PDB file of N, CA and C in Angstrom:
ATOM      1  N   UNK A   1       0.823  -1.168  -0.033  1.00  0.00           N
ATOM      2  CA  UNK A   1      -0.009   0.012   0.023  1.00  0.00           C
ATOM      3  C   UNK A   1       0.941   1.226  -0.039  1.00  0.00           C
ATOM      4  N   UNK A   2       0.341   2.277  -0.581  1.00  0.00           N
ATOM      5  CA  UNK A   2       1.076   3.554  -0.742  1.00  0.00           C
ATOM      6  C   UNK A   2       0.203   4.709  -0.313  1.00  0.00           C
ATOM      7  N   UNK A   3       0.763   5.670   0.367  1.00  0.00           N
ATOM      8  CA  UNK A   3       0.098   6.968   0.622  1.00  0.00           C
ATOM      9  C   UNK A   3       0.612   7.945  -0.311  1.00  0.00           C
ATOM     10  N   UNK A   4      -0.276   8.506  -1.177  1.00  0.00           N
ATOM     11  CA  UNK A   4       0.067   9.555  -2.115  1.00  0.00           C
ATOM     12  C   UNK A   4      -0.373  10.876  -1.453  1.00  0.00           C
ATOM     13  N   UNK A   5       0.559  11.861  -1.418  1.00  0.00           N
ATOM     14  CA  UNK A   5       0.303  13.142  -0.917  1.00  0.00           C
ATOM     15  C   UNK A   5       0.548  14.142  -1.996  1.00  0.00           C
ATOM     16  N   UNK A   6      -0.449  14.895  -2.343  1.00  0.00           N
ATOM     17  CA  UNK A   6      -0.391  15.890  -3.353  1.00  0.00           C
ATOM     18  C   UNK A   6      -0.574  17.320  -2.749  1.00  0.00           C
ATOM     19  N   UNK A   7       0.358  18.150  -2.821  1.00  0.00           N
ATOM     20  CA  UNK A   7       0.137  19.534  -2.412  1.00  0.00           C
ATOM     21  C   UNK A   7      -0.204  20.327  -3.653  1.00  0.00           C
ATOM     22  N   UNK A   8      -1.443  20.684  -3.724  1.00  0.00           N
ATOM     23  CA  UNK A   8      -2.033  21.336  -4.916  1.00  0.00           C
ATOM     24  C   UNK A   8      -2.057  22.803  -4.785  1.00  0.00           C
ATOM     25  N   UNK A   9      -1.356  23.438  -5.710  1.00  0.00           N
ATOM     26  CA  UNK A   9      -1.296  24.943  -5.704  1.00  0.00           C
ATOM     27  C   UNK A   9      -2.454  25.516  -6.553  1.00  0.00           C
ATOM     28  N   UNK A  10      -2.882  24.808  -7.516  1.00  0.00           N
ATOM     29  CA  UNK A  10      -3.956  25.330  -8.440  1.00  0.00           C
ATOM     30  C   UNK A  10      -5.275  24.882  -7.875  1.00  0.00           C
ATOM     31  N   UNK A  11      -5.679  25.424  -6.742  1.00  0.00           N
ATOM     32  CA  UNK A  11      -6.909  24.928  -6.053  1.00  0.00           C
ATOM     33  C   UNK A  11      -8.194  25.046  -6.813  1.00  0.00           C
ATOM     34  N   UNK A  12      -8.174  25.923  -7.843  1.00  0.00           N
ATOM     35  CA  UNK A  12      -9.369  26.052  -8.693  1.00  0.00           C
ATOM     36  C   UNK A  12      -9.670  24.769  -9.463  1.00  0.00           C
ATOM     37  N   UNK A  13      -8.720  23.872  -9.539  1.00  0.00           N
ATOM     38  CA  UNK A  13      -8.864  22.620 -10.300  1.00  0.00           C
ATOM     39  C   UNK A  13      -9.246  21.447  -9.370  1.00  0.00           C
ATOM     40  N   UNK A  14      -9.439  21.689  -8.094  1.00  0.00           N
ATOM     41  CA  UNK A  14      -9.649  20.634  -7.135  1.00  0.00           C
ATOM     42  C   UNK A  14     -10.900  19.775  -7.472  1.00  0.00           C
ATOM     43  N   UNK A  15     -12.005  20.403  -7.691  1.00  0.00           N
ATOM     44  CA  UNK A  15     -13.266  19.652  -7.985  1.00  0.00           C
ATOM     45  C   UNK A  15     -13.094  18.727  -9.209  1.00  0.00           C
ATOM     46  N   UNK A  16     -12.460  19.277 -10.204  1.00  0.00           N
ATOM     47  CA  UNK A  16     -12.230  18.533 -11.477  1.00  0.00           C
ATOM     48  C   UNK A  16     -11.241  17.296 -11.155  1.00  0.00           C
ATOM     49  N   UNK A  17     -10.265  17.533 -10.337  1.00  0.00           N
ATOM     50  CA  UNK A  17      -9.365  16.455 -10.023  1.00  0.00           C
ATOM     51  C   UNK A  17      -9.999  15.392  -9.285  1.00  0.00           C
ATOM     52  N   UNK A  18     -10.824  15.749  -8.310  1.00  0.00           N
ATOM     53  CA  UNK A  18     -11.486  14.734  -7.422  1.00  0.00           C
ATOM     54  C   UNK A  18     -12.411  13.877  -8.294  1.00  0.00           C
ATOM     55  N   UNK A  19     -13.175  14.561  -9.213  1.00  0.00           N
ATOM     56  CA  UNK A  19     -14.084  13.764 -10.137  1.00  0.00           C
ATOM     57  C   UNK A  19     -13.264  12.810 -10.963  1.00  0.00           C
ATOM     58  N   UNK A  20     -12.132  13.273 -11.480  1.00  0.00           N
ATOM     59  CA  UNK A  20     -11.203  12.456 -12.299  1.00  0.00           C
ATOM     60  C   UNK A  20     -10.697  11.214 -11.516  1.00  0.00           C
ATOM     61  N   UNK A  21     -10.274  11.475 -10.348  1.00  0.00           N
ATOM     62  CA  UNK A  21      -9.763  10.375  -9.479  1.00  0.00           C
ATOM     63  C   UNK A  21     -10.824   9.326  -9.272  1.00  0.00           C
ATOM     64  N   UNK A  22     -12.044   9.821  -8.922  1.00  0.00           N
ATOM     65  CA  UNK A  22     -13.222   8.924  -8.709  1.00  0.00           C
ATOM     66  C   UNK A  22     -13.524   8.109  -9.925  1.00  0.00           C
ATOM     67  N   UNK A  23     -13.491   8.764 -11.054  1.00  0.00           N
ATOM     68  CA  UNK A  23     -13.767   8.003 -12.347  1.00  0.00           C
ATOM     69  C   UNK A  23     -12.659   6.963 -12.588  1.00  0.00           C
ATOM     70  N   UNK A  24     -11.484   7.194 -12.140  1.00  0.00           N
ATOM     71  CA  UNK A  24     -10.383   6.296 -12.406  1.00  0.00           C
ATOM     72  C   UNK A  24     -10.307   5.154 -11.276  1.00  0.00           C
ATOM     73  N   UNK A  25     -11.282   5.137 -10.377  1.00  0.00           N
ATOM     74  CA  UNK A  25     -11.340   4.081  -9.398  1.00  0.00           C
ATOM     75  C   UNK A  25     -10.722   4.429  -8.008  1.00  0.00           C
ATOM     76  N   UNK A  26     -10.312   5.650  -7.886  1.00  0.00           N
ATOM     77  CA  UNK A  26      -9.800   6.104  -6.517  1.00  0.00           C
ATOM     78  C   UNK A  26     -11.019   6.603  -5.765  1.00  0.00           C
ATOM     79  N   UNK A  27     -11.439   5.873  -4.798  1.00  0.00           N
ATOM     80  CA  UNK A  27     -12.746   6.165  -4.134  1.00  0.00           C
ATOM     81  C   UNK A  27     -12.698   6.941  -2.833  1.00  0.00           C
ATOM     82  N   UNK A  28     -11.444   7.131  -2.342  1.00  0.00           N
ATOM     83  CA  UNK A  28     -11.323   7.892  -1.080  1.00  0.00           C
ATOM     84  C   UNK A  28     -10.099   8.741  -1.016  1.00  0.00           C
ATOM     85  N   UNK A  29     -10.260   9.938  -0.451  1.00  0.00           N
ATOM     86  CA  UNK A  29      -9.124  10.858  -0.250  1.00  0.00           C
ATOM     87  C   UNK A  29      -9.521  11.790   0.875  1.00  0.00           C
ATOM     88  N   UNK A  30      -8.499  12.312   1.541  1.00  0.00           N
ATOM     89  CA  UNK A  30      -8.713  13.371   2.591  1.00  0.00           C
ATOM     90  C   UNK A  30      -8.052  14.651   1.976  1.00  0.00           C
ATOM     91  N   UNK A  31      -8.807  15.752   2.108  1.00  0.00           N
ATOM     92  CA  UNK A  31      -8.408  17.026   1.552  1.00  0.00           C
ATOM     93  C   UNK A  31      -8.266  18.028   2.709  1.00  0.00           C
ATOM     94  N   UNK A  32      -7.088  18.615   2.867  1.00  0.00           N
ATOM     95  CA  UNK A  32      -6.797  19.596   3.879  1.00  0.00           C
ATOM     96  C   UNK A  32      -6.425  20.971   3.270  1.00  0.00           C
ATOM     97  N   UNK A  33      -6.831  21.996   3.939  1.00  0.00           N
ATOM     98  CA  UNK A  33      -6.339  23.361   3.509  1.00  0.00           C
ATOM     99  C   UNK A  33      -4.927  23.530   4.078  1.00  0.00           C
ATOM    100  N   UNK A  34      -4.105  24.222   3.369  1.00  0.00           N
ATOM    101  CA  UNK A  34      -2.733  24.429   3.878  1.00  0.00           C
ATOM    102  C   UNK A  34      -2.191  25.774   3.300  1.00  0.00           C
ATOM    103  N   UNK A  35      -1.102  26.179   3.947  1.00  0.00           N
ATOM    104  CA  UNK A  35      -0.392  27.383   3.537  1.00  0.00           C
ATOM    105  C   UNK A  35       1.086  27.055   3.487  1.00  0.00           C
ATOM    106  N   UNK A  36       1.800  27.338   2.382  1.00  0.00           N
ATOM    107  CA  UNK A  36       3.176  27.068   2.293  1.00  0.00           C
ATOM    108  C   UNK A  36       4.049  28.044   3.021  1.00  0.00           C
ATOM    109  N   UNK A  37       5.251  27.688   3.306  1.00  0.00           N
ATOM    110  CA  UNK A  37       6.156  28.496   4.131  1.00  0.00           C
ATOM    111  C   UNK A  37       6.414  29.832   3.339  1.00  0.00           C
ATOM    112  N   UNK A  38       6.693  29.757   2.094  1.00  0.00           N
ATOM    113  CA  UNK A  38       6.948  30.996   1.354  1.00  0.00           C
ATOM    114  C   UNK A  38       5.805  31.957   1.413  1.00  0.00           C
ATOM    115  N   UNK A  39       4.565  31.408   1.354  1.00  0.00           N
ATOM    116  CA  UNK A  39       3.376  32.321   1.456  1.00  0.00           C
ATOM    117  C   UNK A  39       3.249  32.906   2.823  1.00  0.00           C
ATOM    118  N   UNK A  40       3.570  32.148   3.823  1.00  0.00           N
ATOM    119  CA  UNK A  40       3.496  32.687   5.186  1.00  0.00           C
ATOM    120  C   UNK A  40       4.605  33.768   5.360  1.00  0.00           C
ATOM    121  N   UNK A  41       5.728  33.573   4.863  1.00  0.00           N
ATOM    122  CA  UNK A  41       6.844  34.582   4.925  1.00  0.00           C
ATOM    123  C   UNK A  41       6.416  35.887   4.189  1.00  0.00           C
ATOM    124  N   UNK A  42       5.788  35.672   3.049  1.00  0.00           N
ATOM    125  CA  UNK A  42       5.421  36.788   2.182  1.00  0.00           C
ATOM    126  C   UNK A  42       4.238  37.656   2.915  1.00  0.00           C
ATOM    127  N   UNK A  43       3.445  36.970   3.704  1.00  0.00           N
ATOM    128  CA  UNK A  43       2.379  37.641   4.399  1.00  0.00           C
ATOM    129  C   UNK A  43       2.966  38.621   5.490  1.00  0.00           C
ATOM    130  N   UNK A  44       4.171  38.324   5.932  1.00  0.00           N
ATOM    131  CA  UNK A  44       4.780  39.185   6.921  1.00  0.00           C
ATOM    132  C   UNK A  44       6.001  39.859   6.277  1.00  0.00           C
ATOM    133  N   UNK A  45       5.754  40.997   5.686  1.00  0.00           N
ATOM    134  CA  UNK A  45       6.795  41.686   4.910  1.00  0.00           C
ATOM    135  C   UNK A  45       7.608  42.634   5.781  1.00  0.00           C
ATOM    136  N   UNK A  46       8.124  42.143   6.897  1.00  0.00           N
ATOM    137  CA  UNK A  46       8.852  43.063   7.779  1.00  0.00           C
ATOM    138  C   UNK A  46      10.298  43.379   7.296  1.00  0.00           C
ATOM    139  N   UNK A  47      10.757  42.499   6.426  1.00  0.00           N
ATOM    140  CA  UNK A  47      12.168  42.692   5.951  1.00  0.00           C
ATOM    141  C   UNK A  47      12.201  42.951   4.484  1.00  0.00           C
ATOM    142  N   UNK A  48      13.232  43.663   3.983  1.00  0.00           N
ATOM    143  CA  UNK A  48      13.359  43.887   2.559  1.00  0.00           C
ATOM    144  C   UNK A  48      13.596  42.638   1.745  1.00  0.00           C
ATOM    145  N   UNK A  49      14.269  41.651   2.341  1.00  0.00           N
ATOM    146  CA  UNK A  49      14.505  40.373   1.664  1.00  0.00           C
ATOM    147  C   UNK A  49      13.173  39.641   1.378  1.00  0.00           C
ATOM    148  N   UNK A  50      12.336  39.585   2.343  1.00  0.00           N
ATOM    149  CA  UNK A  50      11.014  38.944   2.146  1.00  0.00           C
ATOM    150  C   UNK A  50      10.226  39.645   1.108  1.00  0.00           C
ATOM    151  N   UNK A  51      10.234  40.988   1.202  1.00  0.00           N
ATOM    152  CA  UNK A  51       9.515  41.763   0.189  1.00  0.00           C
ATOM    153  C   UNK A  51       9.993  41.525  -1.212  1.00  0.00           C
ATOM    154  N   UNK A  52      11.312  41.284  -1.365  1.00  0.00           N
ATOM    155  CA  UNK A  52      11.909  40.991  -2.706  1.00  0.00           C
ATOM    156  C   UNK A  52      11.499  39.637  -3.207  1.00  0.00           C
ATOM    157  N   UNK A  53      11.138  38.737  -2.289  1.00  0.00           N
ATOM    158  CA  UNK A  53      10.685  37.376  -2.735  1.00  0.00           C
ATOM    159  C   UNK A  53       9.417  37.532  -3.477  1.00  0.00           C
ATOM    160  N   UNK A  54       8.567  38.490  -3.211  1.00  0.00           N
ATOM    161  CA  UNK A  54       7.321  38.651  -3.884  1.00  0.00           C
ATOM    162  C   UNK A  54       7.406  38.728  -5.353  1.00  0.00           C
ATOM    163  N   UNK A  55       8.478  39.259  -5.840  1.00  0.00           N
ATOM    164  CA  UNK A  55       8.679  39.392  -7.323  1.00  0.00           C
ATOM    165  C   UNK A  55       8.859  37.999  -7.959  1.00  0.00           C
ATOM    166  N   UNK A  56       9.281  37.069  -7.203  1.00  0.00           N
ATOM    167  CA  UNK A  56       9.515  35.680  -7.723  1.00  0.00           C
ATOM    168  C   UNK A  56       8.242  34.942  -7.943  1.00  0.00           C
ATOM    169  N   UNK A  57       7.103  35.344  -7.330  1.00  0.00           N
ATOM    170  CA  UNK A  57       5.891  34.651  -7.473  1.00  0.00           C
ATOM    171  C   UNK A  57       5.036  35.283  -8.503  1.00  0.00           C
ATOM    172  N   UNK A  58       4.787  34.631  -9.630  1.00  0.00           N
ATOM    173  CA  UNK A  58       3.892  35.252 -10.678  1.00  0.00           C
ATOM    174  C   UNK A  58       2.465  35.030 -10.409  1.00  0.00           C
ATOM    175  N   UNK A  59       2.123  34.148  -9.457  1.00  0.00           N
ATOM    176  CA  UNK A  59       0.719  33.869  -9.172  1.00  0.00           C
ATOM    177  C   UNK A  59       0.604  33.735  -7.660  1.00  0.00           C
ATOM    178  N   UNK A  60       0.716  34.812  -6.824  1.00  0.00           N
ATOM    179  CA  UNK A  60       0.599  34.663  -5.423  1.00  0.00           C
ATOM    180  C   UNK A  60      -0.761  34.069  -4.966  1.00  0.00           C
ATOM    181  N   UNK A  61      -0.714  33.081  -4.025  1.00  0.00           N
ATOM    182  CA  UNK A  61      -1.980  32.484  -3.625  1.00  0.00           C
ATOM    183  C   UNK A  61      -1.977  32.513  -2.059  1.00  0.00           C
ATOM    184  N   UNK A  62      -3.127  32.422  -1.570  1.00  0.00           N
ATOM    185  CA  UNK A  62      -3.272  32.415  -0.106  1.00  0.00           C
ATOM    186  C   UNK A  62      -3.185  31.041   0.444  1.00  0.00           C
ATOM    187  N   UNK A  63      -3.760  30.087  -0.200  1.00  0.00           N
ATOM    188  CA  UNK A  63      -3.731  28.677   0.293  1.00  0.00           C
ATOM    189  C   UNK A  63      -3.573  27.644  -0.826  1.00  0.00           C
ATOM    190  N   UNK A  64      -3.236  26.428  -0.338  1.00  0.00           N
ATOM    191  CA  UNK A  64      -3.155  25.317  -1.184  1.00  0.00           C
ATOM    192  C   UNK A  64      -3.997  24.224  -0.524  1.00  0.00           C
ATOM    193  N   UNK A  65      -4.081  23.168  -1.226  1.00  0.00           N
ATOM    194  CA  UNK A  65      -4.751  21.957  -0.720  1.00  0.00           C
ATOM    195  C   UNK A  65      -3.833  20.771  -0.623  1.00  0.00           C
ATOM    196  N   UNK A  66      -3.962  19.968   0.390  1.00  0.00           N
ATOM    197  CA  UNK A  66      -3.206  18.726   0.546  1.00  0.00           C
ATOM    198  C   UNK A  66      -4.205  17.613   0.329  1.00  0.00           C
ATOM    199  N   UNK A  67      -3.963  16.827  -0.681  1.00  0.00           N
ATOM    200  CA  UNK A  67      -4.894  15.653  -0.948  1.00  0.00           C
ATOM    201  C   UNK A  67      -4.084  14.400  -0.658  1.00  0.00           C
ATOM    202  N   UNK A  68      -4.590  13.561   0.233  1.00  0.00           N
ATOM    203  CA  UNK A  68      -3.974  12.331   0.622  1.00  0.00           C
ATOM    204  C   UNK A  68      -4.916  11.161   0.324  1.00  0.00           C
ATOM    205  N   UNK A  69      -4.336  10.102  -0.267  1.00  0.00           N
ATOM    206  CA  UNK A  69      -5.102   8.923  -0.554  1.00  0.00           C
ATOM    207  C   UNK A  69      -4.184   7.725  -0.450  1.00  0.00           C
ATOM    208  N   UNK A  70      -4.748   6.612   0.058  1.00  0.00           N
ATOM    209  CA  UNK A  70      -4.027   5.345   0.163  1.00  0.00           C
ATOM    210  C   UNK A  70      -4.467   4.546  -0.965  1.00  0.00           C
ATOM    211  N   UNK A  71      -3.506   3.992  -1.707  1.00  0.00           N
ATOM    212  CA  UNK A  71      -3.768   3.213  -2.902  1.00  0.00           C
ATOM    213  C   UNK A  71      -2.939   1.921  -2.993  1.00  0.00           C
ATOM    214  N   UNK A  72      -3.329   1.076  -3.770  1.00  0.00           N
ATOM    215  CA  UNK A  72      -2.512  -0.185  -4.123  1.00  0.00           C
ATOM    216  C   UNK A  72      -1.361   0.358  -5.054  1.00  0.00           C
ATOM    217  N   UNK A  73      -0.304  -0.412  -5.009  1.00  0.00           N
ATOM    218  CA  UNK A  73       0.921  -0.073  -5.812  1.00  0.00           C
ATOM    219  C   UNK A  73       0.529   0.197  -7.293  1.00  0.00           C
ATOM    220  N   UNK A  74      -0.281  -0.641  -7.818  1.00  0.00           N
ATOM    221  CA  UNK A  74      -0.597  -0.532  -9.215  1.00  0.00           C
ATOM    222  C   UNK A  74      -1.527   0.689  -9.609  1.00  0.00           C
ATOM    223  N   UNK A  75      -1.928   1.409  -8.570  1.00  0.00           N
ATOM    224  CA  UNK A  75      -2.799   2.598  -8.820  1.00  0.00           C
ATOM    225  C   UNK A  75      -1.995   3.881  -8.796  1.00  0.00           C
ATOM    226  N   UNK A  76      -0.694   3.826  -8.412  1.00  0.00           N
ATOM    227  CA  UNK A  76       0.094   5.062  -8.322  1.00  0.00           C
ATOM    228  C   UNK A  76       0.157   5.816  -9.652  1.00  0.00           C
ATOM    229  N   UNK A  77       0.442   5.071 -10.727  1.00  0.00           N
ATOM    230  CA  UNK A  77       0.504   5.743 -12.017  1.00  0.00           C
ATOM    231  C   UNK A  77      -0.792   6.340 -12.450  1.00  0.00           C
ATOM    232  N   UNK A  78      -1.921   5.773 -12.087  1.00  0.00           N
ATOM    233  CA  UNK A  78      -3.220   6.243 -12.419  1.00  0.00           C
ATOM    234  C   UNK A  78      -3.393   7.629 -11.707  1.00  0.00           C
ATOM    235  N   UNK A  79      -3.016   7.700 -10.424  1.00  0.00           N
ATOM    236  CA  UNK A  79      -3.184   8.942  -9.686  1.00  0.00           C
ATOM    237  C   UNK A  79      -2.290  10.027 -10.239  1.00  0.00           C
ATOM    238  N   UNK A  80      -0.979   9.674 -10.505  1.00  0.00           N
ATOM    239  CA  UNK A  80      -0.106  10.648 -10.970  1.00  0.00           C
ATOM    240  C   UNK A  80      -0.533  11.182 -12.339  1.00  0.00           C
ATOM    241  N   UNK A  81      -0.999  10.295 -13.192  1.00  0.00           N
ATOM    242  CA  UNK A  81      -1.465  10.706 -14.510  1.00  0.00           C
ATOM    243  C   UNK A  81      -2.641  11.607 -14.441  1.00  0.00           C
ATOM    244  N   UNK A  82      -3.595  11.321 -13.528  1.00  0.00           N
ATOM    245  CA  UNK A  82      -4.800  12.171 -13.315  1.00  0.00           C
ATOM    246  C   UNK A  82      -4.408  13.495 -12.899  1.00  0.00           C
ATOM    247  N   UNK A  83      -3.424  13.588 -11.928  1.00  0.00           N
ATOM    248  CA  UNK A  83      -3.012  14.870 -11.423  1.00  0.00           C
ATOM    249  C   UNK A  83      -2.440  15.666 -12.617  1.00  0.00           C
ATOM    250  N   UNK A  84      -1.509  15.153 -13.385  1.00  0.00           N
ATOM    251  CA  UNK A  84      -0.982  15.949 -14.419  1.00  0.00           C
ATOM    252  C   UNK A  84      -1.938  16.280 -15.541  1.00  0.00           C
ATOM    253  N   UNK A  85      -2.871  15.358 -15.805  1.00  0.00           N
ATOM    254  CA  UNK A  85      -3.933  15.674 -16.806  1.00  0.00           C
ATOM    255  C   UNK A  85      -4.764  16.858 -16.429  1.00  0.00           C
ATOM    256  N   UNK A  86      -5.027  16.990 -15.150  1.00  0.00           N
ATOM    257  CA  UNK A  86      -5.966  18.065 -14.651  1.00  0.00           C
ATOM    258  C   UNK A  86      -5.122  19.339 -14.335  1.00  0.00           C
ATOM    259  N   UNK A  87      -4.064  19.167 -13.540  1.00  0.00           N
ATOM    260  CA  UNK A  87      -3.305  20.357 -13.047  1.00  0.00           C
ATOM    261  C   UNK A  87      -2.285  20.846 -13.974  1.00  0.00           C
ATOM    262  N   UNK A  88      -1.690  19.883 -14.758  1.00  0.00           N
ATOM    263  CA  UNK A  88      -0.634  20.277 -15.671  1.00  0.00           C
ATOM    264  C   UNK A  88       0.752  19.656 -15.196  1.00  0.00           C
ATOM    265  N   UNK A  89       1.740  19.998 -15.960  1.00  0.00           N
ATOM    266  CA  UNK A  89       3.118  19.511 -15.807  1.00  0.00           C
ATOM    267  C   UNK A  89       3.583  20.031 -14.389  1.00  0.00           C
ATOM    268  N   UNK A  90       3.870  19.090 -13.455  1.00  0.00           N
ATOM    269  CA  UNK A  90       4.349  19.475 -12.118  1.00  0.00           C
ATOM    270  C   UNK A  90       5.724  20.063 -12.134  1.00  0.00           C
ATOM    271  N   UNK A  91       6.483  19.962 -13.216  1.00  0.00           N
ATOM    272  CA  UNK A  91       7.773  20.644 -13.243  1.00  0.00           C
ATOM    273  C   UNK A  91       7.629  22.148 -13.463  1.00  0.00           C
ATOM    274  N   UNK A  92       6.424  22.613 -13.793  1.00  0.00           N
ATOM    275  CA  UNK A  92       6.230  24.062 -13.979  1.00  0.00           C
ATOM    276  C   UNK A  92       5.892  24.700 -12.640  1.00  0.00           C
ATOM    277  N   UNK A  93       6.214  25.954 -12.559  1.00  0.00           N
ATOM    278  CA  UNK A  93       5.907  26.701 -11.229  1.00  0.00           C
ATOM    279  C   UNK A  93       4.433  26.748 -11.013  1.00  0.00           C
ATOM    280  N   UNK A  94       4.139  26.860  -9.721  1.00  0.00           N
ATOM    281  CA  UNK A  94       2.780  27.048  -9.192  1.00  0.00           C
ATOM    282  C   UNK A  94       1.743  25.987  -9.589  1.00  0.00           C
ATOM    283  N   UNK A  95       2.249  24.729  -9.763  1.00  0.00           N
ATOM    284  CA  UNK A  95       1.347  23.632 -10.014  1.00  0.00           C
ATOM    285  C   UNK A  95       1.094  22.758  -8.764  1.00  0.00           C
ATOM    286  N   UNK A  96       2.228  22.307  -8.126  1.00  0.00           N
ATOM    287  CA  UNK A  96       2.172  21.481  -6.904  1.00  0.00           C
ATOM    288  C   UNK A  96       3.288  20.528  -6.855  1.00  0.00           C
ATOM    289  N   UNK A  97       3.229  19.627  -5.871  1.00  0.00           N
ATOM    290  CA  UNK A  97       4.217  18.603  -5.692  1.00  0.00           C
ATOM    291  C   UNK A  97       3.443  17.367  -5.220  1.00  0.00           C
ATOM    292  N   UNK A  98       3.894  16.207  -5.703  1.00  0.00           N
ATOM    293  CA  UNK A  98       3.261  14.962  -5.322  1.00  0.00           C
ATOM    294  C   UNK A  98       4.378  13.991  -4.932  1.00  0.00           C
ATOM    295  N   UNK A  99       4.114  13.208  -3.849  1.00  0.00           N
ATOM    296  CA  UNK A  99       5.061  12.124  -3.495  1.00  0.00           C
ATOM    297  C   UNK A  99       4.324  10.995  -2.834  1.00  0.00           C
ATOM    298  N   UNK A 100       5.043   9.910  -2.709  1.00  0.00           N
ATOM    299  CA  UNK A 100       4.440   8.644  -2.305  1.00  0.00           C
ATOM    300  C   UNK A 100       5.216   8.081  -1.158  1.00  0.00           C
ATOM    301  N   UNK A 101       4.554   7.648  -0.120  1.00  0.00           N
ATOM    302  CA  UNK A 101       5.091   7.056   1.065  1.00  0.00           C
ATOM    303  C   UNK A 101       4.629   5.659   1.255  1.00  0.00           C
ATOM    304  N   UNK A 102       5.508   4.728   1.659  1.00  0.00           N
ATOM    305  CA  UNK A 102       5.086   3.379   1.959  1.00  0.00           C
ATOM    306  C   UNK A 102       4.185   3.338   3.134  1.00  0.00           C
ATOM    307  N   UNK A 103       3.155   2.487   3.128  1.00  0.00           N
ATOM    308  CA  UNK A 103       2.211   2.282   4.221  1.00  0.00           C
ATOM    309  C   UNK A 103       2.291   0.770   4.582  1.00  0.00           C
ATOM    310  N   UNK A 104       2.691   0.496   5.823  1.00  0.00           N
ATOM    311  CA  UNK A 104       2.832  -0.882   6.235  1.00  0.00           C
ATOM    312  C   UNK A 104       1.461  -1.525   6.462  1.00  0.00           C
ATOM    313  N   UNK A 105       0.512  -0.792   7.157  1.00  0.00           N
ATOM    314  CA  UNK A 105      -0.780  -1.386   7.453  1.00  0.00           C
ATOM    315  C   UNK A 105      -1.833  -0.307   7.295  1.00  0.00           C
ATOM    316  N   UNK A 106      -3.004  -0.736   6.949  1.00  0.00           N
ATOM    317  CA  UNK A 106      -4.184   0.125   6.876  1.00  0.00           C
ATOM    318  C   UNK A 106      -5.303  -0.520   7.601  1.00  0.00           C
ATOM    319  N   UNK A 107      -5.958   0.222   8.511  1.00  0.00           N
ATOM    320  CA  UNK A 107      -7.168  -0.234   9.161  1.00  0.00           C
ATOM    321  C   UNK A 107      -8.245   0.794   8.993  1.00  0.00           C
ATOM    322  N   UNK A 108      -9.459   0.351   8.864  1.00  0.00           N
ATOM    323  CA  UNK A 108     -10.534   1.329   8.670  1.00  0.00           C
ATOM    324  C   UNK A 108     -11.005   1.294   7.265  1.00  0.00           C
ATOM    325  N   UNK A 109     -10.994   2.340   6.637  1.00  0.00           N
ATOM    326  CA  UNK A 109     -11.623   2.562   5.334  1.00  0.00           C
ATOM    327  C   UNK A 109     -10.946   1.829   4.235  1.00  0.00           C
ATOM    328  N   UNK A 110     -10.877   0.481   4.383  1.00  0.00           N
ATOM    329  CA  UNK A 110     -10.178  -0.380   3.434  1.00  0.00           C
ATOM    330  C   UNK A 110     -11.022  -0.843   2.282  1.00  0.00           C
ATOM    331  N   UNK A 111     -12.297  -0.666   2.345  1.00  0.00           N
ATOM    332  CA  UNK A 111     -13.162  -1.206   1.224  1.00  0.00           C
ATOM    333  C   UNK A 111     -12.980  -0.309  -0.025  1.00  0.00           C
ATOM    334  N   UNK A 112     -12.505   0.912   0.080  1.00  0.00           N
ATOM    335  CA  UNK A 112     -12.254   1.768  -1.009  1.00  0.00           C
ATOM    336  C   UNK A 112     -10.973   1.387  -1.741  1.00  0.00           C
ATOM    337  N   UNK A 113     -10.117   0.625  -1.059  1.00  0.00           N
ATOM    338  CA  UNK A 113      -8.767   0.321  -1.677  1.00  0.00           C
ATOM    339  C   UNK A 113      -8.883  -0.936  -2.467  1.00  0.00           C
TER     340      UNK A 113
END
């Protein structure tokens, strides 16, 4: 089993992504609101350095979403592909980051897996 964690910067695409994941057989996920470190630093512009960081962001945002789902190993590619189909190329700025963590055991909501 794997835990996929996707920090989504383009939150306007959240509903479309969730629908796509569901259509691809991913039946459960947890969605959390989050704020990145850079955004938090930019919110507090007490120093000239932090103020100069603002110029690096072409699309300043207030929040992002963290989407977590536990999947079987053979579903990882399905999730990654759905993310890039909806959100775009993750190597581009302001799209997000996704990573996978091994899960030794799952109890509870296992019927969706």
